Structure formats: C-alpha cells, structure tokens
Amino acid sequence: FLYNAFPVWECVFSCNIGILSIGRNLNNQERLIDMIEKTPRIA
C-alpha cells in the first residue's frame, strides 16, 4: 500500500513505526506524515 500510494526513489519501511526515511521528494514526505497522523489506533 505504501509503495503504491507514495512512489519515491528511496524508502525504508518498518512494520512498527511506519516509514523511517523517505526519499528526496518533499511533497511525498508531507503526504506520508499526513497519512501516518490518520492511521487508525487501537488499545
């Protein structure tokens, strides 16, 4: 899902905390931050 939604040059993924670093595309970084903030959360 992340690769399809955010096509970037470089991407490092962690299942626990999402994207650790993401390419050199600032627009994609902003979109990713927005997506992470909207991630559903469960106790």
Full PDB file with SEQRES, HELIX, SHEET, SSBOND, CRYST1, ORIGX, SCALE, CONECT and MASTER records, all heavy atoms in Angstrom:
SEQRES   1 A   43  PHE LEU TYR ASN ALA PHE PRO VAL TRP GLU CYS VAL PHE          
SEQRES   2 A   43  SER CYS ASN ILE GLY ILE LEU SER ILE GLY ARG ASN LEU          
SEQRES   3 A   43  ASN ASN GLN GLU ARG LEU ILE ASP MET ILE GLU LYS THR          
SEQRES   4 A   43  PRO ARG ILE ALA                                              
HELIX    1 AA1 LEU A    2  ALA A    5  1                                   4    
HELIX    2 AA2 LEU A   26  GLU A   37  1                                  12    
SHEET    1 AA1 2 CYS A  11  SER A  14  0                                        
SHEET    2 AA1 2 GLY A  18  ILE A  22 -1                                        
CRYST1    1.000    1.000    1.000  90.00  90.00  90.00 P 1           1          
ORIGX1      1.000000  0.000000  0.000000        0.00000                         
ORIGX2      0.000000  1.000000  0.000000        0.00000                         
ORIGX3      0.000000  0.000000  1.000000        0.00000                         
SCALE1      1.000000  0.000000  0.000000        0.00000                         
SCALE2      0.000000  1.000000  0.000000        0.00000                         
SCALE3      0.000000  0.000000  1.000000        0.00000                         
ATOM      1  N   PHE A   1       0.827  -1.202   0.000  1.00  0.00           N  
ATOM      2  CA  PHE A   1       0.000   0.000   0.000  1.00  0.00           C  
ATOM      3  C   PHE A   1       0.865   1.257   0.000  1.00  0.00           C  
ATOM      4  O   PHE A   1       0.640   2.188  -0.751  1.00  0.00           O  
ATOM      5  CB  PHE A   1      -0.921   0.010   1.225  1.00  0.00           C  
ATOM      6  CG  PHE A   1      -1.543   1.353   1.495  1.00  0.00           C  
ATOM      7  CD1 PHE A   1      -2.589   1.821   0.709  1.00  0.00           C  
ATOM      8  CD2 PHE A   1      -1.066   2.167   2.512  1.00  0.00           C  
ATOM      9  CE1 PHE A   1      -3.151   3.061   0.943  1.00  0.00           C  
ATOM     10  CE2 PHE A   1      -1.617   3.404   2.751  1.00  0.00           C  
ATOM     11  CZ  PHE A   1      -2.663   3.852   1.970  1.00  0.00           C  
ATOM     12  N   LEU A   2       1.895   1.252   0.846  1.00  0.00           N  
ATOM     13  CA  LEU A   2       2.737   2.437   0.954  1.00  0.00           C  
ATOM     14  C   LEU A   2       3.517   2.704  -0.330  1.00  0.00           C  
ATOM     15  O   LEU A   2       3.635   3.833  -0.765  1.00  0.00           O  
ATOM     16  CB  LEU A   2       3.698   2.274   2.134  1.00  0.00           C  
ATOM     17  CG  LEU A   2       3.044   2.378   3.515  1.00  0.00           C  
ATOM     18  CD1 LEU A   2       4.049   1.998   4.593  1.00  0.00           C  
ATOM     19  CD2 LEU A   2       2.511   3.772   3.772  1.00  0.00           C  
ATOM     20  N   TYR A   3       4.027   1.655  -0.933  1.00  0.00           N  
ATOM     21  CA  TYR A   3       4.777   1.839  -2.170  1.00  0.00           C  
ATOM     22  C   TYR A   3       3.866   2.335  -3.286  1.00  0.00           C  
ATOM     23  O   TYR A   3       4.259   3.145  -4.107  1.00  0.00           O  
ATOM     24  CB  TYR A   3       5.451   0.536  -2.581  1.00  0.00           C  
ATOM     25  CG  TYR A   3       6.745   0.292  -1.874  1.00  0.00           C  
ATOM     26  CD1 TYR A   3       6.900  -0.800  -1.032  1.00  0.00           C  
ATOM     27  CD2 TYR A   3       7.832   1.160  -2.044  1.00  0.00           C  
ATOM     28  CE1 TYR A   3       8.098  -1.027  -0.368  1.00  0.00           C  
ATOM     29  CE2 TYR A   3       9.027   0.933  -1.380  1.00  0.00           C  
ATOM     30  CZ  TYR A   3       9.161  -0.154  -0.552  1.00  0.00           C  
ATOM     31  OH  TYR A   3      10.339  -0.375   0.107  1.00  0.00           O  
ATOM     32  N   ASN A   4       2.620   1.836  -3.322  1.00  0.00           N  
ATOM     33  CA  ASN A   4       1.681   2.271  -4.356  1.00  0.00           C  
ATOM     34  C   ASN A   4       1.209   3.702  -4.110  1.00  0.00           C  
ATOM     35  O   ASN A   4       1.021   4.479  -5.037  1.00  0.00           O  
ATOM     36  CB  ASN A   4       0.481   1.331  -4.404  1.00  0.00           C  
ATOM     37  CG  ASN A   4       0.855  -0.039  -4.928  1.00  0.00           C  
ATOM     38  OD1 ASN A   4       1.791  -0.161  -5.701  1.00  0.00           O  
ATOM     39  ND2 ASN A   4       0.139  -1.056  -4.505  1.00  0.00           N  
ATOM     40  N   ALA A   5       0.993   4.043  -2.830  1.00  0.00           N  
ATOM     41  CA  ALA A   5       0.465   5.366  -2.519  1.00  0.00           C  
ATOM     42  C   ALA A   5       1.536   6.441  -2.573  1.00  0.00           C  
ATOM     43  O   ALA A   5       1.261   7.585  -2.879  1.00  0.00           O  
ATOM     44  CB  ALA A   5      -0.175   5.349  -1.124  1.00  0.00           C  
ATOM     45  N   PHE A   6       2.793   6.068  -2.298  1.00  0.00           N  
ATOM     46  CA  PHE A   6       3.853   7.055  -2.237  1.00  0.00           C  
ATOM     47  C   PHE A   6       5.060   6.590  -3.049  1.00  0.00           C  
ATOM     48  O   PHE A   6       6.036   6.109  -2.499  1.00  0.00           O  
ATOM     49  CB  PHE A   6       4.268   7.299  -0.777  1.00  0.00           C  
ATOM     50  CG  PHE A   6       3.143   7.709   0.094  1.00  0.00           C  
ATOM     51  CD1 PHE A   6       2.521   6.780   0.911  1.00  0.00           C  
ATOM     52  CD2 PHE A   6       2.680   9.007   0.082  1.00  0.00           C  
ATOM     53  CE1 PHE A   6       1.457   7.148   1.714  1.00  0.00           C  
ATOM     54  CE2 PHE A   6       1.623   9.380   0.892  1.00  0.00           C  
ATOM     55  CZ  PHE A   6       1.003   8.456   1.712  1.00  0.00           C  
ATOM     56  N   PRO A   7       4.987   6.715  -4.392  1.00  0.00           N  
ATOM     57  CA  PRO A   7       6.132   6.310  -5.223  1.00  0.00           C  
ATOM     58  C   PRO A   7       7.299   7.269  -5.005  1.00  0.00           C  
ATOM     59  O   PRO A   7       7.232   8.437  -5.342  1.00  0.00           O  
ATOM     60  CB  PRO A   7       5.582   6.434  -6.653  1.00  0.00           C  
ATOM     61  CG  PRO A   7       4.464   7.419  -6.539  1.00  0.00           C  
ATOM     62  CD  PRO A   7       3.873   7.250  -5.175  1.00  0.00           C  
ATOM     63  N   VAL A   8       8.369   6.783  -4.411  1.00  0.00           N  
ATOM     64  CA  VAL A   8       9.532   7.619  -4.140  1.00  0.00           C  
ATOM     65  C   VAL A   8      10.782   6.874  -4.574  1.00  0.00           C  
ATOM     66  O   VAL A   8      10.753   5.680  -4.867  1.00  0.00           O  
ATOM     67  CB  VAL A   8       9.636   7.975  -2.647  1.00  0.00           C  
ATOM     68  CG1 VAL A   8       8.514   8.873  -2.241  1.00  0.00           C  
ATOM     69  CG2 VAL A   8       9.652   6.707  -1.797  1.00  0.00           C  
ATOM     70  N   TRP A   9      11.917   7.555  -4.577  1.00  0.00           N  
ATOM     71  CA  TRP A   9      13.161   6.955  -5.023  1.00  0.00           C  
ATOM     72  C   TRP A   9      13.737   6.027  -3.962  1.00  0.00           C  
ATOM     73  O   TRP A   9      14.301   4.990  -4.263  1.00  0.00           O  
ATOM     74  CB  TRP A   9      14.165   8.068  -5.354  1.00  0.00           C  
ATOM     75  CG  TRP A   9      13.693   8.928  -6.480  1.00  0.00           C  
ATOM     76  CD1 TRP A   9      12.942   8.538  -7.545  1.00  0.00           C  
ATOM     77  CD2 TRP A   9      13.916  10.325  -6.643  1.00  0.00           C  
ATOM     78  NE1 TRP A   9      12.680   9.589  -8.365  1.00  0.00           N  
ATOM     79  CE2 TRP A   9      13.261  10.717  -7.839  1.00  0.00           C  
ATOM     80  CE3 TRP A   9      14.583  11.296  -5.904  1.00  0.00           C  
ATOM     81  CZ2 TRP A   9      13.282  12.025  -8.303  1.00  0.00           C  
ATOM     82  CZ3 TRP A   9      14.601  12.591  -6.369  1.00  0.00           C  
ATOM     83  CH2 TRP A   9      13.963  12.945  -7.565  1.00  0.00           C  
ATOM     84  N   GLU A  10      13.690   6.456  -2.714  1.00  0.00           N  
ATOM     85  CA  GLU A  10      14.258   5.657  -1.649  1.00  0.00           C  
ATOM     86  C   GLU A  10      13.236   5.512  -0.532  1.00  0.00           C  
ATOM     87  O   GLU A  10      12.575   6.467  -0.166  1.00  0.00           O  
ATOM     88  CB  GLU A  10      15.521   6.323  -1.086  1.00  0.00           C  
ATOM     89  CG  GLU A  10      16.611   6.531  -2.123  1.00  0.00           C  
ATOM     90  CD  GLU A  10      17.753   7.358  -1.561  1.00  0.00           C  
ATOM     91  OE1 GLU A  10      17.871   7.400  -0.327  1.00  0.00           O  
ATOM     92  OE2 GLU A  10      18.485   7.952  -2.352  1.00  0.00           O  
ATOM     93  N   CYS A  11      13.106   4.299   0.013  1.00  0.00           N  
ATOM     94  CA  CYS A  11      12.082   4.099   1.030  1.00  0.00           C  
ATOM     95  C   CYS A  11      12.531   3.004   1.987  1.00  0.00           C  
ATOM     96  O   CYS A  11      12.939   1.937   1.560  1.00  0.00           O  
ATOM     97  CB  CYS A  11      10.762   3.701   0.372  1.00  0.00           C  
ATOM     98  SG  CYS A  11       9.405   3.520   1.513  1.00  0.00           S  
ATOM     99  N   VAL A  12      12.491   3.272   3.275  1.00  0.00           N  
ATOM    100  CA  VAL A  12      12.825   2.285   4.291  1.00  0.00           C  
ATOM    101  C   VAL A  12      11.599   2.079   5.150  1.00  0.00           C  
ATOM    102  O   VAL A  12      11.068   3.044   5.699  1.00  0.00           O  
ATOM    103  CB  VAL A  12      13.999   2.753   5.181  1.00  0.00           C  
ATOM    104  CG1 VAL A  12      14.323   1.690   6.240  1.00  0.00           C  
ATOM    105  CG2 VAL A  12      15.217   3.033   4.326  1.00  0.00           C  
ATOM    106  N   PHE A  13      11.148   0.813   5.258  1.00  0.00           N  
ATOM    107  CA  PHE A  13       9.886   0.538   5.943  1.00  0.00           C  
ATOM    108  C   PHE A  13      10.087  -0.284   7.205  1.00  0.00           C  
ATOM    109  O   PHE A  13      10.857  -1.219   7.238  1.00  0.00           O  
ATOM    110  CB  PHE A  13       8.941  -0.211   5.001  1.00  0.00           C  
ATOM    111  CG  PHE A  13       7.619  -0.527   5.628  1.00  0.00           C  
ATOM    112  CD1 PHE A  13       6.665   0.463   5.752  1.00  0.00           C  
ATOM    113  CD2 PHE A  13       7.339  -1.802   6.107  1.00  0.00           C  
ATOM    114  CE1 PHE A  13       5.444   0.183   6.340  1.00  0.00           C  
ATOM    115  CE2 PHE A  13       6.120  -2.080   6.689  1.00  0.00           C  
ATOM    116  CZ  PHE A  13       5.170  -1.085   6.801  1.00  0.00           C  
ATOM    117  N   SER A  14       9.371   0.078   8.254  1.00  0.00           N  
ATOM    118  CA  SER A  14       9.346  -0.709   9.491  1.00  0.00           C  
ATOM    119  C   SER A  14       7.908  -0.955   9.871  1.00  0.00           C  
ATOM    120  O   SER A  14       7.099  -0.035   9.917  1.00  0.00           O  
ATOM    121  CB  SER A  14      10.046   0.045  10.623  1.00  0.00           C  
ATOM    122  OG  SER A  14       9.714  -0.532  11.869  1.00  0.00           O  
ATOM    123  N   CYS A  15       7.523  -2.216  10.156  1.00  0.00           N  
ATOM    124  CA  CYS A  15       6.140  -2.546  10.482  1.00  0.00           C  
ATOM    125  C   CYS A  15       5.684  -1.844  11.753  1.00  0.00           C  
ATOM    126  O   CYS A  15       4.503  -1.591  11.930  1.00  0.00           O  
ATOM    127  CB  CYS A  15       5.982  -4.059  10.658  1.00  0.00           C  
ATOM    128  SG  CYS A  15       6.085  -4.981   9.108  1.00  0.00           S  
ATOM    129  N   ASN A  16       6.606  -1.538  12.660  1.00  0.00           N  
ATOM    130  CA  ASN A  16       6.210  -0.985  13.946  1.00  0.00           C  
ATOM    131  C   ASN A  16       5.939   0.514  13.894  1.00  0.00           C  
ATOM    132  O   ASN A  16       4.999   0.996  14.513  1.00  0.00           O  
ATOM    133  CB  ASN A  16       7.297  -1.252  14.987  1.00  0.00           C  
ATOM    134  CG  ASN A  16       7.392  -2.722  15.326  1.00  0.00           C  
ATOM    135  OD1 ASN A  16       6.393  -3.411  15.309  1.00  0.00           O  
ATOM    136  ND2 ASN A  16       8.581  -3.192  15.623  1.00  0.00           N  
ATOM    137  N   ILE A  17       6.775   1.272  13.176  1.00  0.00           N  
ATOM    138  CA  ILE A  17       6.622   2.723  13.223  1.00  0.00           C  
ATOM    139  C   ILE A  17       6.451   3.351  11.850  1.00  0.00           C  
ATOM    140  O   ILE A  17       6.525   4.555  11.704  1.00  0.00           O  
ATOM    141  CB  ILE A  17       7.818   3.382  13.932  1.00  0.00           C  
ATOM    142  CG1 ILE A  17       9.132   3.004  13.249  1.00  0.00           C  
ATOM    143  CG2 ILE A  17       7.861   3.020  15.393  1.00  0.00           C  
ATOM    144  CD1 ILE A  17      10.340   3.728  13.830  1.00  0.00           C  
ATOM    145  N   GLY A  18       6.172   2.546  10.839  1.00  0.00           N  
ATOM    146  CA  GLY A  18       5.918   3.101   9.519  1.00  0.00           C  
ATOM    147  C   GLY A  18       7.199   3.433   8.785  1.00  0.00           C  
ATOM    148  O   GLY A  18       8.207   2.764   8.936  1.00  0.00           O  
ATOM    149  N   ILE A  19       7.184   4.492   8.013  1.00  0.00           N  
ATOM    150  CA  ILE A  19       8.363   4.853   7.243  1.00  0.00           C  
ATOM    151  C   ILE A  19       9.382   5.560   8.126  1.00  0.00           C  
ATOM    152  O   ILE A  19       9.084   6.525   8.797  1.00  0.00           O  
ATOM    153  CB  ILE A  19       7.970   5.772   6.074  1.00  0.00           C  
ATOM    154  CG1 ILE A  19       7.010   5.054   5.140  1.00  0.00           C  
ATOM    155  CG2 ILE A  19       9.196   6.230   5.317  1.00  0.00           C  
ATOM    156  CD1 ILE A  19       7.612   3.833   4.475  1.00  0.00           C  
ATOM    157  N   LEU A  20      10.618   5.067   8.099  1.00  0.00           N  
ATOM    158  CA  LEU A  20      11.682   5.702   8.853  1.00  0.00           C  
ATOM    159  C   LEU A  20      12.315   6.834   8.050  1.00  0.00           C  
ATOM    160  O   LEU A  20      12.655   7.877   8.586  1.00  0.00           O  
ATOM    161  CB  LEU A  20      12.744   4.661   9.226  1.00  0.00           C  
ATOM    162  CG  LEU A  20      12.272   3.511  10.120  1.00  0.00           C  
ATOM    163  CD1 LEU A  20      13.438   2.562  10.381  1.00  0.00           C  
ATOM    164  CD2 LEU A  20      11.734   4.039  11.440  1.00  0.00           C  
ATOM    165  N   SER A  21      12.511   6.600   6.759  1.00  0.00           N  
ATOM    166  CA  SER A  21      13.026   7.666   5.896  1.00  0.00           C  
ATOM    167  C   SER A  21      12.414   7.507   4.525  1.00  0.00           C  
ATOM    168  O   SER A  21      12.066   6.412   4.115  1.00  0.00           O  
ATOM    169  CB  SER A  21      14.555   7.578   5.786  1.00  0.00           C  
ATOM    170  OG  SER A  21      14.928   6.379   5.162  1.00  0.00           O  
ATOM    171  N   ILE A  22      12.258   8.610   3.832  1.00  0.00           N  
ATOM    172  CA  ILE A  22      11.583   8.529   2.544  1.00  0.00           C  
ATOM    173  C   ILE A  22      12.174   9.545   1.571  1.00  0.00           C  
ATOM    174  O   ILE A  22      12.028  10.750   1.740  1.00  0.00           O  
ATOM    175  CB  ILE A  22      10.062   8.739   2.705  1.00  0.00           C  
ATOM    176  CG1 ILE A  22       9.341   8.450   1.412  1.00  0.00           C  
ATOM    177  CG2 ILE A  22       9.718  10.099   3.235  1.00  0.00           C  
ATOM    178  CD1 ILE A  22       7.850   8.261   1.582  1.00  0.00           C  
ATOM    179  N   GLY A  23      12.987   9.034   0.658  1.00  0.00           N  
ATOM    180  CA  GLY A  23      13.498   9.745  -0.492  1.00  0.00           C  
ATOM    181  C   GLY A  23      13.830  11.209  -0.361  1.00  0.00           C  
ATOM    182  O   GLY A  23      14.070  11.754   0.685  1.00  0.00           O  
ATOM    183  N   ARG A  24      13.801  11.876  -1.500  1.00  0.00           N  
ATOM    184  CA  ARG A  24      14.140  13.284  -1.565  1.00  0.00           C  
ATOM    185  C   ARG A  24      12.974  14.115  -2.072  1.00  0.00           C  
ATOM    186  O   ARG A  24      13.147  15.248  -2.488  1.00  0.00           O  
ATOM    187  CB  ARG A  24      15.363  13.457  -2.492  1.00  0.00           C  
ATOM    188  CG  ARG A  24      16.624  12.824  -1.949  1.00  0.00           C  
ATOM    189  CD  ARG A  24      17.805  13.012  -2.888  1.00  0.00           C  
ATOM    190  NE  ARG A  24      17.674  12.203  -4.098  1.00  0.00           N  
ATOM    191  CZ  ARG A  24      18.106  10.942  -4.180  1.00  0.00           C  
ATOM    192  NH1 ARG A  24      18.661  10.371  -3.130  1.00  0.00           N  
ATOM    193  NH2 ARG A  24      17.980  10.254  -5.291  1.00  0.00           N  
ATOM    194  N   ASN A  25      11.790  13.541  -2.036  1.00  0.00           N  
ATOM    195  CA  ASN A  25      10.628  14.245  -2.547  1.00  0.00           C  
ATOM    196  C   ASN A  25       9.830  14.826  -1.385  1.00  0.00           C  
ATOM    197  O   ASN A  25       9.164  14.120  -0.655  1.00  0.00           O  
ATOM    198  CB  ASN A  25       9.751  13.275  -3.363  1.00  0.00           C  
ATOM    199  CG  ASN A  25       8.645  13.996  -4.114  1.00  0.00           C  
ATOM    200  OD1 ASN A  25       7.992  14.878  -3.571  1.00  0.00           O  
ATOM    201  ND2 ASN A  25       8.440  13.612  -5.361  1.00  0.00           N  
ATOM    202  N   LEU A  26       9.932  16.139  -1.178  1.00  0.00           N  
ATOM    203  CA  LEU A  26       9.293  16.788  -0.035  1.00  0.00           C  
ATOM    204  C   LEU A  26       7.783  16.617  -0.061  1.00  0.00           C  
ATOM    205  O   LEU A  26       7.151  16.411   0.968  1.00  0.00           O  
ATOM    206  CB  LEU A  26       9.661  18.275  -0.006  1.00  0.00           C  
ATOM    207  CG  LEU A  26       9.083  19.088   1.164  1.00  0.00           C  
ATOM    208  CD1 LEU A  26       9.574  18.500   2.486  1.00  0.00           C  
ATOM    209  CD2 LEU A  26       9.485  20.551   1.051  1.00  0.00           C  
ATOM    210  N   ASN A  27       7.185  16.680  -1.246  1.00  0.00           N  
ATOM    211  CA  ASN A  27       5.742  16.535  -1.348  1.00  0.00           C  
ATOM    212  C   ASN A  27       5.295  15.166  -0.835  1.00  0.00           C  
ATOM    213  O   ASN A  27       4.305  15.044  -0.119  1.00  0.00           O  
ATOM    214  CB  ASN A  27       5.301  16.719  -2.802  1.00  0.00           C  
ATOM    215  CG  ASN A  27       3.791  16.631  -2.969  1.00  0.00           C  
ATOM    216  OD1 ASN A  27       3.044  17.328  -2.288  1.00  0.00           O  
ATOM    217  ND2 ASN A  27       3.340  15.754  -3.859  1.00  0.00           N  
ATOM    218  N   ASN A  28       6.043  14.136  -1.189  1.00  0.00           N  
ATOM    219  CA  ASN A  28       5.711  12.802  -0.717  1.00  0.00           C  
ATOM    220  C   ASN A  28       5.884  12.689   0.790  1.00  0.00           C  
ATOM    221  O   ASN A  28       5.127  12.000   1.466  1.00  0.00           O  
ATOM    222  CB  ASN A  28       6.586  11.753  -1.407  1.00  0.00           C  
ATOM    223  CG  ASN A  28       6.100  11.443  -2.815  1.00  0.00           C  
ATOM    224  OD1 ASN A  28       4.921  11.593  -3.113  1.00  0.00           O  
ATOM    225  ND2 ASN A  28       7.013  11.024  -3.669  1.00  0.00           N  
ATOM    226  N   GLN A  29       6.898  13.369   1.344  1.00  0.00           N  
ATOM    227  CA  GLN A  29       7.096  13.357   2.783  1.00  0.00           C  
ATOM    228  C   GLN A  29       5.896  13.972   3.492  1.00  0.00           C  
ATOM    229  O   GLN A  29       5.414  13.449   4.497  1.00  0.00           O  
ATOM    230  CB  GLN A  29       8.369  14.121   3.144  1.00  0.00           C  
ATOM    231  CG  GLN A  29       9.646  13.411   2.728  1.00  0.00           C  
ATOM    232  CD  GLN A  29      10.871  14.217   3.119  1.00  0.00           C  
ATOM    233  OE1 GLN A  29      10.760  15.367   3.550  1.00  0.00           O  
ATOM    234  NE2 GLN A  29      12.036  13.618   2.970  1.00  0.00           N  
ATOM    235  N   GLU A  30       5.405  15.071   2.974  1.00  0.00           N  
ATOM    236  CA  GLU A  30       4.256  15.733   3.591  1.00  0.00           C  
ATOM    237  C   GLU A  30       3.021  14.846   3.522  1.00  0.00           C  
ATOM    238  O   GLU A  30       2.248  14.763   4.480  1.00  0.00           O  
ATOM    239  CB  GLU A  30       4.008  17.074   2.901  1.00  0.00           C  
ATOM    240  CG  GLU A  30       5.113  18.099   3.143  1.00  0.00           C  
ATOM    241  CD  GLU A  30       4.919  19.340   2.317  1.00  0.00           C  
ATOM    242  OE1 GLU A  30       4.106  19.296   1.361  1.00  0.00           O  
ATOM    243  OE2 GLU A  30       5.577  20.363   2.608  1.00  0.00           O  
ATOM    244  N   ARG A  31       2.842  14.187   2.388  1.00  0.00           N  
ATOM    245  CA  ARG A  31       1.695  13.289   2.238  1.00  0.00           C  
ATOM    246  C   ARG A  31       1.810  12.117   3.195  1.00  0.00           C  
ATOM    247  O   ARG A  31       0.824  11.654   3.755  1.00  0.00           O  
ATOM    248  CB  ARG A  31       1.598  12.792   0.794  1.00  0.00           C  
ATOM    249  CG  ARG A  31       1.228  13.871  -0.215  1.00  0.00           C  
ATOM    250  CD  ARG A  31       1.438  13.370  -1.630  1.00  0.00           C  
ATOM    251  NE  ARG A  31       0.637  12.197  -1.909  1.00  0.00           N  
ATOM    252  CZ  ARG A  31       0.872  11.366  -2.925  1.00  0.00           C  
ATOM    253  NH1 ARG A  31       1.910  11.573  -3.707  1.00  0.00           N  
ATOM    254  NH2 ARG A  31       0.096  10.329  -3.130  1.00  0.00           N  
ATOM    255  N   LEU A  32       3.030  11.612   3.388  1.00  0.00           N  
ATOM    256  CA  LEU A  32       3.242  10.478   4.277  1.00  0.00           C  
ATOM    257  C   LEU A  32       2.956  10.852   5.725  1.00  0.00           C  
ATOM    258  O   LEU A  32       2.300  10.109   6.457  1.00  0.00           O  
ATOM    259  CB  LEU A  32       4.671   9.971   4.156  1.00  0.00           C  
ATOM    260  CG  LEU A  32       5.012   8.764   5.047  1.00  0.00           C  
ATOM    261  CD1 LEU A  32       4.170   7.569   4.640  1.00  0.00           C  
ATOM    262  CD2 LEU A  32       6.481   8.438   4.959  1.00  0.00           C  
ATOM    263  N   ILE A  33       3.428  12.016   6.146  1.00  0.00           N  
ATOM    264  CA  ILE A  33       3.161  12.474   7.508  1.00  0.00           C  
ATOM    265  C   ILE A  33       1.669  12.595   7.747  1.00  0.00           C  
ATOM    266  O   ILE A  33       1.143  12.204   8.789  1.00  0.00           O  
ATOM    267  CB  ILE A  33       3.863  13.823   7.767  1.00  0.00           C  
ATOM    268  CG1 ILE A  33       5.384  13.619   7.796  1.00  0.00           C  
ATOM    269  CG2 ILE A  33       3.390  14.444   9.070  1.00  0.00           C  
ATOM    270  CD1 ILE A  33       6.167  14.913   7.843  1.00  0.00           C  
ATOM    271  N   ASP A  34       0.962  13.127   6.753  1.00  0.00           N  
ATOM    272  CA  ASP A  34      -0.493  13.263   6.867  1.00  0.00           C  
ATOM    273  C   ASP A  34      -1.151  11.897   6.993  1.00  0.00           C  
ATOM    274  O   ASP A  34      -2.079  11.709   7.781  1.00  0.00           O  
ATOM    275  CB  ASP A  34      -1.043  14.001   5.643  1.00  0.00           C  
ATOM    276  CG  ASP A  34      -2.538  14.231   5.743  1.00  0.00           C  
ATOM    277  OD1 ASP A  34      -2.978  14.925   6.685  1.00  0.00           O  
ATOM    278  OD2 ASP A  34      -3.280  13.708   4.886  1.00  0.00           O  
ATOM    279  N   MET A  35      -0.649  10.906   6.237  1.00  0.00           N  
ATOM    280  CA  MET A  35      -1.213   9.567   6.282  1.00  0.00           C  
ATOM    281  C   MET A  35      -0.979   8.914   7.642  1.00  0.00           C  
ATOM    282  O   MET A  35      -1.872   8.286   8.219  1.00  0.00           O  
ATOM    283  CB  MET A  35      -0.611   8.714   5.169  1.00  0.00           C  
ATOM    284  CG  MET A  35      -1.214   7.303   5.027  1.00  0.00           C  
ATOM    285  SD  MET A  35      -0.502   6.085   6.147  1.00  0.00           S  
ATOM    286  CE  MET A  35       1.164   5.996   5.479  1.00  0.00           C  
ATOM    287  N   ILE A  36       0.259   9.088   8.178  1.00  0.00           N  
ATOM    288  CA  ILE A  36       0.583   8.489   9.465  1.00  0.00           C  
ATOM    289  C   ILE A  36      -0.293   9.066  10.573  1.00  0.00           C  
ATOM    290  O   ILE A  36      -0.752   8.359  11.467  1.00  0.00           O  
ATOM    291  CB  ILE A  36       2.077   8.675   9.784  1.00  0.00           C  
ATOM    292  CG1 ILE A  36       2.922   7.831   8.828  1.00  0.00           C  
ATOM    293  CG2 ILE A  36       2.398   8.308  11.232  1.00  0.00           C  
ATOM    294  CD1 ILE A  36       4.407   8.043   8.976  1.00  0.00           C  
ATOM    295  N   GLU A  37      -0.545  10.380  10.518  1.00  0.00           N  
ATOM    296  CA  GLU A  37      -1.371  11.014  11.531  1.00  0.00           C  
ATOM    297  C   GLU A  37      -2.799  10.504  11.501  1.00  0.00           C  
ATOM    298  O   GLU A  37      -3.504  10.536  12.505  1.00  0.00           O  
ATOM    299  CB  GLU A  37      -1.353  12.537  11.335  1.00  0.00           C  
ATOM    300  CG  GLU A  37      -0.013  13.179  11.697  1.00  0.00           C  
ATOM    301  CD  GLU A  37       0.017  14.661  11.422  1.00  0.00           C  
ATOM    302  OE1 GLU A  37      -0.899  15.143  10.724  1.00  0.00           O  
ATOM    303  OE2 GLU A  37       0.942  15.328  11.906  1.00  0.00           O  
ATOM    304  N   LYS A  38      -3.234   9.995  10.348  1.00  0.00           N  
ATOM    305  CA  LYS A  38      -4.601   9.496  10.205  1.00  0.00           C  
ATOM    306  C   LYS A  38      -4.684   7.979  10.384  1.00  0.00           C  
ATOM    307  O   LYS A  38      -5.739   7.396  10.187  1.00  0.00           O  
ATOM    308  CB  LYS A  38      -5.152   9.894   8.833  1.00  0.00           C  
ATOM    309  CG  LYS A  38      -5.324  11.397   8.649  1.00  0.00           C  
ATOM    310  CD  LYS A  38      -5.825  11.737   7.255  1.00  0.00           C  
ATOM    311  CE  LYS A  38      -5.967  13.245   7.082  1.00  0.00           C  
ATOM    312  NZ  LYS A  38      -6.409  13.600   5.708  1.00  0.00           N  
ATOM    313  N   THR A  39      -3.568   7.342  10.728  1.00  0.00           N  
ATOM    314  CA  THR A  39      -3.566   5.896  10.917  1.00  0.00           C  
ATOM    315  C   THR A  39      -4.489   5.505  12.062  1.00  0.00           C  
ATOM    316  O   THR A  39      -4.392   6.068  13.155  1.00  0.00           O  
ATOM    317  CB  THR A  39      -2.141   5.396  11.225  1.00  0.00           C  
ATOM    318  OG1 THR A  39      -1.294   5.708  10.123  1.00  0.00           O  
ATOM    319  CG2 THR A  39      -2.131   3.894  11.458  1.00  0.00           C  
ATOM    320  N   PRO A  40      -5.399   4.549  11.856  1.00  0.00           N  
ATOM    321  CA  PRO A  40      -6.257   4.098  12.961  1.00  0.00           C  
ATOM    322  C   PRO A  40      -5.420   3.574  14.116  1.00  0.00           C  
ATOM    323  O   PRO A  40      -4.369   2.966  13.920  1.00  0.00           O  
ATOM    324  CB  PRO A  40      -7.084   2.976  12.322  1.00  0.00           C  
ATOM    325  CG  PRO A  40      -7.023   3.229  10.848  1.00  0.00           C  
ATOM    326  CD  PRO A  40      -5.683   3.846  10.600  1.00  0.00           C  
ATOM    327  N   ARG A  41      -5.901   3.796  15.333  1.00  0.00           N  
ATOM    328  CA  ARG A  41      -5.155   3.407  16.531  1.00  0.00           C  
ATOM    329  C   ARG A  41      -6.065   2.595  17.447  1.00  0.00           C  
ATOM    330  O   ARG A  41      -7.214   2.967  17.679  1.00  0.00           O  
ATOM    331  CB  ARG A  41      -4.671   4.674  17.248  1.00  0.00           C  
ATOM    332  CG  ARG A  41      -3.843   4.438  18.497  1.00  0.00           C  
ATOM    333  CD  ARG A  41      -3.600   5.740  19.233  1.00  0.00           C  
ATOM    334  NE  ARG A  41      -2.947   6.724  18.401  1.00  0.00           N  
ATOM    335  CZ  ARG A  41      -3.248   8.013  18.395  1.00  0.00           C  
ATOM    336  NH1 ARG A  41      -4.206   8.475  19.160  1.00  0.00           N  
ATOM    337  NH2 ARG A  41      -2.596   8.840  17.611  1.00  0.00           N  
ATOM    338  N   ILE A  42      -5.525   1.496  17.977  1.00  0.00           N  
ATOM    339  CA  ILE A  42      -6.315   0.642  18.858  1.00  0.00           C  
ATOM    340  C   ILE A  42      -5.540   0.295  20.117  1.00  0.00           C  
ATOM    341  O   ILE A  42      -4.343  -0.001  20.073  1.00  0.00           O  
ATOM    342  CB  ILE A  42      -6.760  -0.646  18.130  1.00  0.00           C  
ATOM    343  CG1 ILE A  42      -7.686  -1.480  19.018  1.00  0.00           C  
ATOM    344  CG2 ILE A  42      -5.570  -1.483  17.681  1.00  0.00           C  
ATOM    345  CD1 ILE A  42      -8.393  -2.588  18.273  1.00  0.00           C  
ATOM    346  N   ALA A  43      -6.219   0.363  21.264  1.00  0.00           N  
ATOM    347  CA  ALA A  43      -5.653  -0.095  22.523  1.00  0.00           C  
ATOM    348  C   ALA A  43      -5.906  -1.595  22.627  1.00  0.00           C  
ATOM    349  O   ALA A  43      -7.057  -2.035  22.584  1.00  0.00           O  
ATOM    350  CB  ALA A  43      -6.297   0.635  23.699  1.00  0.00           C  
TER     351      ALA A  43                                                      
MASTER        0    0    0    2    2    0    0    6  350    1    0    4          
END                                                                             
